[in-house]
Amino acid sequence: MVTSAHEGMHRIFQERPEILSPVFGVLGIVFPEKAAVYAIGTDVTEARPLARHIDTVLRIGPSDGEDFLLAVEAQERRDPKKESSWPYYISYLQARYGLPVLLLVVCRDRATTKWATGPFSCGTRGWTAQMTYPLVVGPDNLPVITDPRTAAEKPAMAVFSALAHANSPHIDAILDALGRALAGMDWNAASYFFQFLDSALGDTPAGDKWRDIVTFVNYFPGRGTVMEKAYLEGEARGEAKAILRFLEARGVSVPQEARDRIADCTDLDLLNRWLDRTPHVESVDELFIEDARPAADRTET
């Protein structure tokens, strides 16, 4: 069964490719400093109904060399079937795109990491036809980031560290450092990392710890922090939905432009004024008319 942790462990490479350089670094492989990275299709099915999907496939375009493909697989436990499917993925991608292919396997425990390293061979009667050597990262070689300053400088890598070490004794210190780092970040970046890790850790002890830490570290009313903004945005969405439903129930026509204006509004005071007017307006234009006047001239009814 695919879990949220499984999805997060490979999806982060699509959304935050800056972690590729440090991850390759722990493997002793130089990653190009300047490279275009983008995701390509992960369906490697050739014959139905047998479906085969790679978790993530990235095309790497270095500025100083030939392109290559990086197939990323998140592996949470030993699976003998992967010993044949991984070589198939590599062969298929090479044949389809005509590019060199590397396979990166991301694990969260030492036993799986040791097994995934392989190599996996295909041959018989003393002859090897094919040998597969995955690149493997896991708790043994991924850094444990427990310094808030480092987490603030490399937030994507800190999140990846939290995913890889989610079952280790270090997880509380990693999450604490990351939570403190988020408190000083740009709102959009902090929101992304908070939500990504919240989803990836899911309903686990590490996920519960993460939500407790973020609440404790970041929720200071009036400071515009992650938890407060998330709360206010949720409140605004609820108000907007209530306004639209009330107007629809009264048979008031709401053109798309007005619908978008209401749905996109994050000003709770303004939304409350609109909500108070919904029982009395005959058209949606009447909802906004007072807000077009100078503040000094407004009189609330």
C-alpha atoms as a PDB file:
ATOM      1  CA  MET A   1       0.000   0.000   0.000  1.00  0.00           C
ATOM      2  CA  VAL A   2       1.322   3.439  -0.956  1.00  0.00           C
ATOM      3  CA  THR A   3       1.621   5.663   2.124  1.00  0.00           C
ATOM      4  CA  SER A   4       1.975   9.410   2.525  1.00  0.00           C
ATOM      5  CA  ALA A   5       5.551   8.849   3.715  1.00  0.00           C
ATOM      6  CA  HIS A   6       6.289   6.848   0.567  1.00  0.00           C
ATOM      7  CA  GLU A   7       4.934   9.651  -1.602  1.00  0.00           C
ATOM      8  CA  GLY A   8       6.861  12.317   0.258  1.00  0.00           C
ATOM      9  CA  MET A   9      10.189  10.496   0.061  1.00  0.00           C
ATOM     10  CA  HIS A  10      10.258  10.629  -3.742  1.00  0.00           C
ATOM     11  CA  ARG A  11       7.984  13.606  -4.495  1.00  0.00           C
ATOM     12  CA  ILE A  12      10.348  15.982  -2.707  1.00  0.00           C
ATOM     13  CA  PHE A  13      12.873  15.424  -5.515  1.00  0.00           C
ATOM     14  CA  GLN A  14      10.320  16.727  -8.028  1.00  0.00           C
ATOM     15  CA  GLU A  15       9.306  19.746  -5.986  1.00  0.00           C
ATOM     16  CA  ARG A  16      12.675  20.615  -4.422  1.00  0.00           C
ATOM     17  CA  PRO A  17      15.439  19.456  -6.784  1.00  0.00           C
ATOM     18  CA  GLU A  18      17.997  21.485  -4.822  1.00  0.00           C
ATOM     19  CA  ILE A  19      18.381  18.473  -2.515  1.00  0.00           C
ATOM     20  CA  LEU A  20      19.889  16.471  -5.376  1.00  0.00           C
ATOM     21  CA  SER A  21      23.336  18.013  -4.901  1.00  0.00           C
ATOM     22  CA  PRO A  22      23.711  17.203  -1.166  1.00  0.00           C
ATOM     23  CA  VAL A  23      22.145  13.756  -1.641  1.00  0.00           C
ATOM     24  CA  PHE A  24      24.592  12.936  -4.422  1.00  0.00           C
ATOM     25  CA  GLY A  25      27.317  14.345  -2.185  1.00  0.00           C
ATOM     26  CA  VAL A  26      26.724  11.759   0.555  1.00  0.00           C
ATOM     27  CA  LEU A  27      27.059   9.104  -2.159  1.00  0.00           C
ATOM     28  CA  GLY A  28      30.402  10.505  -3.265  1.00  0.00           C
ATOM     29  CA  ILE A  29      29.072  11.558  -6.678  1.00  0.00           C
ATOM     30  CA  VAL A  30      29.486  15.081  -8.029  1.00  0.00           C
ATOM     31  CA  PHE A  31      26.189  16.608  -9.107  1.00  0.00           C
ATOM     32  CA  PRO A  32      26.419  19.382 -11.720  1.00  0.00           C
ATOM     33  CA  GLU A  33      26.204  22.835 -10.161  1.00  0.00           C
ATOM     34  CA  LYS A  34      24.105  24.203 -13.008  1.00  0.00           C
ATOM     35  CA  ALA A  35      21.507  21.796 -14.310  1.00  0.00           C
ATOM     36  CA  ALA A  36      17.939  21.940 -15.565  1.00  0.00           C
ATOM     37  CA  VAL A  37      15.758  19.415 -13.735  1.00  0.00           C
ATOM     38  CA  TYR A  38      12.246  18.441 -14.690  1.00  0.00           C
ATOM     39  CA  ALA A  39       9.962  15.460 -14.172  1.00  0.00           C
ATOM     40  CA  ILE A  40       8.957  13.123 -16.982  1.00  0.00           C
ATOM     41  CA  GLY A  41       6.331  10.381 -17.235  1.00  0.00           C
ATOM     42  CA  THR A  42       6.674   7.487 -14.808  1.00  0.00           C
ATOM     43  CA  ASP A  43       4.501   4.927 -16.613  1.00  0.00           C
ATOM     44  CA  VAL A  44       6.761   2.199 -18.017  1.00  0.00           C
ATOM     45  CA  THR A  45       3.965  -0.190 -18.949  1.00  0.00           C
ATOM     46  CA  GLU A  46       4.344  -1.939 -22.289  1.00  0.00           C
ATOM     47  CA  ALA A  47       1.734  -4.685 -22.131  1.00  0.00           C
ATOM     48  CA  ARG A  48      -1.652  -4.389 -20.473  1.00  0.00           C
ATOM     49  CA  PRO A  49      -2.914  -5.292 -17.951  1.00  0.00           C
ATOM     50  CA  LEU A  50       0.496  -5.491 -16.239  1.00  0.00           C
ATOM     51  CA  ALA A  51       1.070  -1.957 -14.935  1.00  0.00           C
ATOM     52  CA  ARG A  52       4.512  -0.719 -13.944  1.00  0.00           C
ATOM     53  CA  HIS A  53       5.193   2.704 -12.493  1.00  0.00           C
ATOM     54  CA  ILE A  54       8.381   4.298 -11.238  1.00  0.00           C
ATOM     55  CA  ASP A  55       7.870   6.621  -8.297  1.00  0.00           C
ATOM     56  CA  THR A  56       9.656   9.622  -9.843  1.00  0.00           C
ATOM     57  CA  VAL A  57      11.717  10.118 -12.992  1.00  0.00           C
ATOM     58  CA  LEU A  58      13.754  13.275 -13.471  1.00  0.00           C
ATOM     59  CA  ARG A  59      15.612  14.418 -16.544  1.00  0.00           C
ATOM     60  CA  ILE A  60      18.817  16.188 -15.545  1.00  0.00           C
ATOM     61  CA  GLY A  61      20.309  18.610 -18.059  1.00  0.00           C
ATOM     62  CA  PRO A  62      23.801  19.672 -16.906  1.00  0.00           C
ATOM     63  CA  SER A  63      25.226  22.842 -18.413  1.00  0.00           C
ATOM     64  CA  ASP A  64      28.529  21.093 -19.033  1.00  0.00           C
ATOM     65  CA  GLY A  65      27.606  17.601 -20.227  1.00  0.00           C
ATOM     66  CA  GLU A  66      25.016  15.215 -21.604  1.00  0.00           C
ATOM     67  CA  ASP A  67      21.558  14.814 -20.141  1.00  0.00           C
ATOM     68  CA  PHE A  68      20.752  11.785 -18.021  1.00  0.00           C
ATOM     69  CA  LEU A  69      17.712  10.344 -16.281  1.00  0.00           C
ATOM     70  CA  LEU A  70      17.357   9.789 -12.547  1.00  0.00           C
ATOM     71  CA  ALA A  71      14.753   7.259 -11.455  1.00  0.00           C
ATOM     72  CA  VAL A  72      13.844   7.696  -7.772  1.00  0.00           C
ATOM     73  CA  GLU A  73      12.219   4.891  -5.810  1.00  0.00           C
ATOM     74  CA  ALA A  74      11.027   5.166  -2.198  1.00  0.00           C
ATOM     75  CA  GLN A  75      11.432   1.800  -0.504  1.00  0.00           C
ATOM     76  CA  GLU A  76      10.091   1.202   2.991  1.00  0.00           C
ATOM     77  CA  ARG A  77      10.761  -2.533   3.219  1.00  0.00           C
ATOM     78  CA  ARG A  78      12.500  -5.346   1.413  1.00  0.00           C
ATOM     79  CA  ASP A  79      10.605  -6.424  -1.704  1.00  0.00           C
ATOM     80  CA  PRO A  80      12.101  -9.256  -3.801  1.00  0.00           C
ATOM     81  CA  LYS A  81       9.981  -8.167  -6.779  1.00  0.00           C
ATOM     82  CA  LYS A  82      12.033  -4.980  -7.050  1.00  0.00           C
ATOM     83  CA  GLU A  83      15.148  -7.050  -7.780  1.00  0.00           C
ATOM     84  CA  SER A  84      13.734  -7.636 -11.268  1.00  0.00           C
ATOM     85  CA  SER A  85      11.572  -4.519 -11.723  1.00  0.00           C
ATOM     86  CA  TRP A  86      14.426  -2.081 -11.034  1.00  0.00           C
ATOM     87  CA  PRO A  87      16.617  -3.458 -13.854  1.00  0.00           C
ATOM     88  CA  TYR A  88      13.529  -3.337 -16.082  1.00  0.00           C
ATOM     89  CA  TYR A  89      12.952   0.344 -15.267  1.00  0.00           C
ATOM     90  CA  ILE A  90      16.533   1.215 -16.165  1.00  0.00           C
ATOM     91  CA  SER A  91      16.499  -0.748 -19.422  1.00  0.00           C
ATOM     92  CA  TYR A  92      13.131   0.637 -20.442  1.00  0.00           C
ATOM     93  CA  LEU A  93      14.059   4.265 -19.776  1.00  0.00           C
ATOM     94  CA  GLN A  94      17.374   3.917 -21.596  1.00  0.00           C
ATOM     95  CA  ALA A  95      15.682   2.338 -24.623  1.00  0.00           C
ATOM     96  CA  ARG A  96      12.862   4.889 -24.716  1.00  0.00           C
ATOM     97  CA  TYR A  97      14.848   8.090 -24.184  1.00  0.00           C
ATOM     98  CA  GLY A  98      18.287   7.052 -25.410  1.00  0.00           C
ATOM     99  CA  LEU A  99      19.918   8.513 -22.306  1.00  0.00           C
ATOM    100  CA  PRO A 100      22.039   7.124 -19.445  1.00  0.00           C
ATOM    101  CA  VAL A 101      19.964   6.172 -16.403  1.00  0.00           C
ATOM    102  CA  LEU A 102      20.748   6.202 -12.688  1.00  0.00           C
ATOM    103  CA  LEU A 103      18.509   4.631 -10.045  1.00  0.00           C
ATOM    104  CA  LEU A 104      18.277   6.261  -6.613  1.00  0.00           C
ATOM    105  CA  VAL A 105      16.545   4.295  -3.839  1.00  0.00           C
ATOM    106  CA  VAL A 106      15.485   6.160  -0.689  1.00  0.00           C
ATOM    107  CA  CYS A 107      15.032   4.083   2.489  1.00  0.00           C
ATOM    108  CA  ARG A 108      14.085   4.751   6.109  1.00  0.00           C
ATOM    109  CA  ASP A 109      15.671   1.796   7.886  1.00  0.00           C
ATOM    110  CA  ARG A 110      19.067   0.110   7.842  1.00  0.00           C
ATOM    111  CA  ALA A 111      17.878  -3.369   6.872  1.00  0.00           C
ATOM    112  CA  THR A 112      16.103  -2.095   3.750  1.00  0.00           C
ATOM    113  CA  THR A 113      19.070   0.127   2.900  1.00  0.00           C
ATOM    114  CA  LYS A 114      21.482  -2.809   3.081  1.00  0.00           C
ATOM    115  CA  TRP A 115      19.292  -4.985   0.855  1.00  0.00           C
ATOM    116  CA  ALA A 116      18.548  -2.219  -1.687  1.00  0.00           C
ATOM    117  CA  THR A 117      22.254  -1.626  -2.288  1.00  0.00           C
ATOM    118  CA  GLY A 118      22.402  -4.910  -4.211  1.00  0.00           C
ATOM    119  CA  PRO A 119      23.894  -5.501  -6.679  1.00  0.00           C
ATOM    120  CA  PHE A 120      21.126  -7.432  -8.423  1.00  0.00           C
ATOM    121  CA  SER A 121      22.251  -9.787 -11.143  1.00  0.00           C
ATOM    122  CA  CYS A 122      20.544 -11.575 -14.012  1.00  0.00           C
ATOM    123  CA  GLY A 123      22.339 -14.603 -15.394  1.00  0.00           C
ATOM    124  CA  THR A 124      22.776 -18.345 -15.265  1.00  0.00           C
ATOM    125  CA  ARG A 125      25.333 -21.120 -15.665  1.00  0.00           C
ATOM    126  CA  GLY A 126      28.195 -18.895 -14.620  1.00  0.00           C
ATOM    127  CA  TRP A 127      27.352 -16.046 -16.996  1.00  0.00           C
ATOM    128  CA  THR A 128      25.997 -12.629 -15.950  1.00  0.00           C
ATOM    129  CA  ALA A 129      23.820 -10.941 -18.550  1.00  0.00           C
ATOM    130  CA  GLN A 130      22.991  -7.852 -16.513  1.00  0.00           C
ATOM    131  CA  MET A 131      23.991  -6.294 -13.188  1.00  0.00           C
ATOM    132  CA  THR A 132      22.128  -3.475 -11.422  1.00  0.00           C
ATOM    133  CA  TYR A 133      23.793  -1.180  -8.894  1.00  0.00           C
ATOM    134  CA  PRO A 134      21.278   1.214  -7.279  1.00  0.00           C
ATOM    135  CA  LEU A 135      22.385   4.368  -5.518  1.00  0.00           C
ATOM    136  CA  VAL A 136      20.927   4.103  -2.007  1.00  0.00           C
ATOM    137  CA  VAL A 137      20.410   6.700   0.716  1.00  0.00           C
ATOM    138  CA  GLY A 138      18.997   6.075   4.164  1.00  0.00           C
ATOM    139  CA  PRO A 139      19.583   6.644   7.873  1.00  0.00           C
ATOM    140  CA  ASP A 140      23.197   5.482   7.663  1.00  0.00           C
ATOM    141  CA  ASN A 141      24.411   8.075   5.164  1.00  0.00           C
ATOM    142  CA  LEU A 142      21.894  10.934   5.207  1.00  0.00           C
ATOM    143  CA  PRO A 143      22.815  13.771   7.599  1.00  0.00           C
ATOM    144  CA  VAL A 144      20.947  14.296  10.857  1.00  0.00           C
ATOM    145  CA  ILE A 145      20.103  18.024  10.836  1.00  0.00           C
ATOM    146  CA  THR A 146      19.447  19.215  14.387  1.00  0.00           C
ATOM    147  CA  ASP A 147      20.826  22.756  14.135  1.00  0.00           C
ATOM    148  CA  PRO A 148      18.105  25.389  13.499  1.00  0.00           C
ATOM    149  CA  ARG A 149      20.531  27.580  11.545  1.00  0.00           C
ATOM    150  CA  THR A 150      21.414  24.736   9.185  1.00  0.00           C
ATOM    151  CA  ALA A 151      17.732  23.851   8.844  1.00  0.00           C
ATOM    152  CA  ALA A 152      16.961  27.480   7.914  1.00  0.00           C
ATOM    153  CA  GLU A 153      19.745  27.530   5.316  1.00  0.00           C
ATOM    154  CA  LYS A 154      18.788  24.152   3.811  1.00  0.00           C
ATOM    155  CA  PRO A 155      15.089  23.629   4.617  1.00  0.00           C
ATOM    156  CA  ALA A 156      14.433  21.105   1.830  1.00  0.00           C
ATOM    157  CA  MET A 157      17.344  18.948   2.980  1.00  0.00           C
ATOM    158  CA  ALA A 158      16.161  19.274   6.590  1.00  0.00           C
ATOM    159  CA  VAL A 159      12.709  18.044   5.562  1.00  0.00           C
ATOM    160  CA  PHE A 160      14.285  15.142   3.681  1.00  0.00           C
ATOM    161  CA  SER A 161      16.390  14.359   6.753  1.00  0.00           C
ATOM    162  CA  ALA A 162      13.204  14.250   8.837  1.00  0.00           C
ATOM    163  CA  LEU A 163      11.600  11.812   6.401  1.00  0.00           C
ATOM    164  CA  ALA A 164      14.641   9.531   6.288  1.00  0.00           C
ATOM    165  CA  HIS A 165      15.102   9.535  10.066  1.00  0.00           C
ATOM    166  CA  ALA A 166      11.389   9.468  10.975  1.00  0.00           C
ATOM    167  CA  ASN A 167      11.814   6.167  12.822  1.00  0.00           C
ATOM    168  CA  SER A 168      15.127   7.010  14.498  1.00  0.00           C
ATOM    169  CA  PRO A 169      15.865   8.390  17.995  1.00  0.00           C
ATOM    170  CA  HIS A 170      17.005  11.644  16.354  1.00  0.00           C
ATOM    171  CA  ILE A 171      13.607  12.576  14.931  1.00  0.00           C
ATOM    172  CA  ASP A 172      12.489  14.837  17.808  1.00  0.00           C
ATOM    173  CA  ALA A 173      15.668  16.945  17.576  1.00  0.00           C
ATOM    174  CA  ILE A 174      15.373  17.148  13.764  1.00  0.00           C
ATOM    175  CA  LEU A 175      11.756  18.283  13.911  1.00  0.00           C
ATOM    176  CA  ASP A 176      12.474  20.784  16.694  1.00  0.00           C
ATOM    177  CA  ALA A 177      15.253  22.388  14.627  1.00  0.00           C
ATOM    178  CA  LEU A 178      13.037  22.506  11.543  1.00  0.00           C
ATOM    179  CA  GLY A 179      10.138  24.002  13.486  1.00  0.00           C
ATOM    180  CA  ARG A 180      12.346  26.792  14.797  1.00  0.00           C
ATOM    181  CA  ALA A 181      13.701  27.380  11.303  1.00  0.00           C
ATOM    182  CA  LEU A 182      10.175  27.783   9.914  1.00  0.00           C
ATOM    183  CA  ALA A 183       9.401  30.524  12.441  1.00  0.00           C
ATOM    184  CA  GLY A 184      11.853  32.869  10.728  1.00  0.00           C
ATOM    185  CA  MET A 185      11.091  31.948   7.115  1.00  0.00           C
ATOM    186  CA  ASP A 186       9.141  33.675   4.399  1.00  0.00           C
ATOM    187  CA  TRP A 187       5.471  32.782   4.806  1.00  0.00           C
ATOM    188  CA  ASN A 188       5.084  30.989   1.465  1.00  0.00           C
ATOM    189  CA  ALA A 189       8.184  28.837   1.955  1.00  0.00           C
ATOM    190  CA  ALA A 190       7.321  28.041   5.568  1.00  0.00           C
ATOM    191  CA  SER A 191       3.773  27.111   4.610  1.00  0.00           C
ATOM    192  CA  TYR A 192       5.010  24.769   1.882  1.00  0.00           C
ATOM    193  CA  PHE A 193       7.470  22.925   4.144  1.00  0.00           C
ATOM    194  CA  PHE A 194       5.019  22.726   7.022  1.00  0.00           C
ATOM    195  CA  GLN A 195       2.271  21.242   4.865  1.00  0.00           C
ATOM    196  CA  PHE A 196       4.607  18.941   2.936  1.00  0.00           C
ATOM    197  CA  LEU A 197       6.023  17.373   6.090  1.00  0.00           C
ATOM    198  CA  ASP A 198       2.619  17.294   7.776  1.00  0.00           C
ATOM    199  CA  SER A 199       1.264  15.287   4.843  1.00  0.00           C
ATOM    200  CA  ALA A 200       4.336  13.054   4.451  1.00  0.00           C
ATOM    201  CA  LEU A 201       4.590  12.105   8.125  1.00  0.00           C
ATOM    202  CA  GLY A 202       0.842  11.646   8.332  1.00  0.00           C
ATOM    203  CA  ASP A 203      -0.784   9.887  11.285  1.00  0.00           C
ATOM    204  CA  THR A 204       2.431   8.636  12.892  1.00  0.00           C
ATOM    205  CA  PRO A 205       4.224   9.448  16.156  1.00  0.00           C
ATOM    206  CA  ALA A 206       6.608  11.658  14.163  1.00  0.00           C
ATOM    207  CA  GLY A 207       3.631  13.397  12.508  1.00  0.00           C
ATOM    208  CA  ASP A 208       2.001  14.063  15.878  1.00  0.00           C
ATOM    209  CA  LYS A 209       5.297  15.378  17.232  1.00  0.00           C
ATOM    210  CA  TRP A 210       5.700  17.664  14.214  1.00  0.00           C
ATOM    211  CA  ARG A 211       2.284  19.229  14.680  1.00  0.00           C
ATOM    212  CA  ASP A 212       2.945  19.722  18.413  1.00  0.00           C
ATOM    213  CA  ILE A 213       6.313  21.370  17.745  1.00  0.00           C
ATOM    214  CA  VAL A 214       5.018  23.719  15.052  1.00  0.00           C
ATOM    215  CA  THR A 215       2.102  24.754  17.254  1.00  0.00           C
ATOM    216  CA  PHE A 216       4.396  25.447  20.226  1.00  0.00           C
ATOM    217  CA  VAL A 217       7.167  27.202  18.293  1.00  0.00           C
ATOM    218  CA  ASN A 218       5.206  29.156  15.704  1.00  0.00           C
ATOM    219  CA  TYR A 219       1.848  30.103  17.160  1.00  0.00           C
ATOM    220  CA  PHE A 220       2.255  33.573  18.609  1.00  0.00           C
ATOM    221  CA  PRO A 221      -0.958  35.531  17.861  1.00  0.00           C
ATOM    222  CA  GLY A 222      -0.418  38.700  15.874  1.00  0.00           C
ATOM    223  CA  ARG A 223       2.993  37.740  14.488  1.00  0.00           C
ATOM    224  CA  GLY A 224       1.726  36.344  11.185  1.00  0.00           C
ATOM    225  CA  THR A 225       3.274  32.940  11.802  1.00  0.00           C
ATOM    226  CA  VAL A 226       2.618  29.656  10.021  1.00  0.00           C
ATOM    227  CA  MET A 227      -0.065  28.257  12.292  1.00  0.00           C
ATOM    228  CA  GLU A 228      -1.825  31.593  12.707  1.00  0.00           C
ATOM    229  CA  LYS A 229      -1.940  32.284   8.972  1.00  0.00           C
ATOM    230  CA  ALA A 230      -3.126  28.755   8.266  1.00  0.00           C
ATOM    231  CA  TYR A 231      -5.893  29.237  10.821  1.00  0.00           C
ATOM    232  CA  LEU A 232      -6.941  32.618   9.437  1.00  0.00           C
ATOM    233  CA  GLU A 233      -6.923  31.335   5.873  1.00  0.00           C
ATOM    234  CA  GLY A 234      -9.174  28.472   6.957  1.00  0.00           C
ATOM    235  CA  GLU A 235     -11.525  30.931   8.628  1.00  0.00           C
ATOM    236  CA  ALA A 236     -11.618  33.091   5.489  1.00  0.00           C
ATOM    237  CA  ARG A 237     -12.428  30.121   3.268  1.00  0.00           C
ATOM    238  CA  GLY A 238     -15.295  29.183   5.595  1.00  0.00           C
ATOM    239  CA  GLU A 239     -16.722  32.703   5.525  1.00  0.00           C
ATOM    240  CA  ALA A 240     -16.482  32.863   1.726  1.00  0.00           C
ATOM    241  CA  LYS A 241     -18.297  29.547   1.333  1.00  0.00           C
ATOM    242  CA  ALA A 242     -21.045  30.720   3.683  1.00  0.00           C
ATOM    243  CA  ILE A 243     -21.561  33.923   1.662  1.00  0.00           C
ATOM    244  CA  LEU A 244     -21.801  32.051  -1.638  1.00  0.00           C
ATOM    245  CA  ARG A 245     -24.192  29.442  -0.259  1.00  0.00           C
ATOM    246  CA  PHE A 246     -26.426  32.108   1.281  1.00  0.00           C
ATOM    247  CA  LEU A 247     -26.592  34.041  -1.988  1.00  0.00           C
ATOM    248  CA  GLU A 248     -27.368  30.881  -3.956  1.00  0.00           C
ATOM    249  CA  ALA A 249     -30.085  29.890  -1.456  1.00  0.00           C
ATOM    250  CA  ARG A 250     -31.716  33.305  -1.955  1.00  0.00           C
ATOM    251  CA  GLY A 251     -31.543  32.943  -5.717  1.00  0.00           C
ATOM    252  CA  VAL A 252     -29.079  35.803  -6.188  1.00  0.00           C
ATOM    253  CA  SER A 253     -27.055  35.341  -9.369  1.00  0.00           C
ATOM    254  CA  VAL A 254     -23.283  35.279  -8.736  1.00  0.00           C
ATOM    255  CA  PRO A 255     -21.167  35.753 -11.902  1.00  0.00           C
ATOM    256  CA  GLN A 256     -17.774  34.064 -11.983  1.00  0.00           C
ATOM    257  CA  GLU A 257     -15.882  37.331 -11.439  1.00  0.00           C
ATOM    258  CA  ALA A 258     -17.837  38.029  -8.247  1.00  0.00           C
ATOM    259  CA  ARG A 259     -17.506  34.407  -7.131  1.00  0.00           C
ATOM    260  CA  ASP A 260     -13.728  34.624  -7.520  1.00  0.00           C
ATOM    261  CA  ARG A 261     -13.623  37.949  -5.647  1.00  0.00           C
ATOM    262  CA  ILE A 262     -15.429  36.406  -2.684  1.00  0.00           C
ATOM    263  CA  ALA A 263     -13.540  33.113  -2.722  1.00  0.00           C
ATOM    264  CA  ASP A 264     -10.112  34.801  -2.989  1.00  0.00           C
ATOM    265  CA  CYS A 265     -10.712  37.332  -0.226  1.00  0.00           C
ATOM    266  CA  THR A 266      -8.638  36.778   2.939  1.00  0.00           C
ATOM    267  CA  ASP A 267      -9.781  39.895   4.847  1.00  0.00           C
ATOM    268  CA  LEU A 268     -11.990  38.508   7.625  1.00  0.00           C
ATOM    269  CA  ASP A 269     -13.456  41.928   8.509  1.00  0.00           C
ATOM    270  CA  LEU A 270     -14.513  42.502   4.927  1.00  0.00           C
ATOM    271  CA  LEU A 271     -15.914  38.987   4.606  1.00  0.00           C
ATOM    272  CA  ASN A 272     -17.947  39.520   7.775  1.00  0.00           C
ATOM    273  CA  ARG A 273     -19.412  42.723   6.347  1.00  0.00           C
ATOM    274  CA  TRP A 274     -20.377  40.899   3.171  1.00  0.00           C
ATOM    275  CA  LEU A 275     -21.909  38.065   5.179  1.00  0.00           C
ATOM    276  CA  ASP A 276     -24.010  40.549   7.173  1.00  0.00           C
ATOM    277  CA  ARG A 277     -25.347  42.019   3.911  1.00  0.00           C
ATOM    278  CA  THR A 278     -26.287  38.753   2.214  1.00  0.00           C
ATOM    279  CA  PRO A 279     -29.833  38.606   3.700  1.00  0.00           C
ATOM    280  CA  HIS A 280     -30.680  42.061   2.286  1.00  0.00           C
ATOM    281  CA  VAL A 281     -29.091  42.360  -1.173  1.00  0.00           C
ATOM    282  CA  GLU A 282     -31.023  41.732  -4.390  1.00  0.00           C
ATOM    283  CA  SER A 283     -27.920  41.559  -6.582  1.00  0.00           C
ATOM    284  CA  VAL A 284     -24.322  40.654  -5.926  1.00  0.00           C
ATOM    285  CA  ASP A 285     -23.264  44.200  -6.866  1.00  0.00           C
ATOM    286  CA  GLU A 286     -25.063  45.470  -3.765  1.00  0.00           C
ATOM    287  CA  LEU A 287     -22.774  43.271  -1.705  1.00  0.00           C
ATOM    288  CA  PHE A 288     -19.725  45.287  -2.758  1.00  0.00           C
ATOM    289  CA  ILE A 289     -21.152  48.791  -3.185  1.00  0.00           C
ATOM    290  CA  GLU A 290     -20.265  50.130   0.279  1.00  0.00           C
ATOM    291  CA  ASP A 291     -16.678  48.902  -0.046  1.00  0.00           C
ATOM    292  CA  ALA A 292     -16.111  51.084  -3.119  1.00  0.00           C
ATOM    293  CA  ARG A 293     -16.710  54.258  -1.083  1.00  0.00           C
ATOM    294  CA  PRO A 294     -13.973  56.010   0.943  1.00  0.00           C
ATOM    295  CA  ALA A 295     -13.686  54.612   4.447  1.00  0.00           C
ATOM    296  CA  ALA A 296     -14.605  57.981   6.028  1.00  0.00           C
ATOM    297  CA  ASP A 297     -17.894  58.050   4.119  1.00  0.00           C
ATOM    298  CA  ARG A 298     -19.003  54.500   4.960  1.00  0.00           C
ATOM    299  CA  THR A 299     -21.958  53.931   7.248  1.00  0.00           C
ATOM    300  CA  GLU A 300     -22.709  50.389   8.260  1.00  0.00           C
ATOM    301  CA  THR A 301     -26.281  49.261   8.450  1.00  0.00           C
END
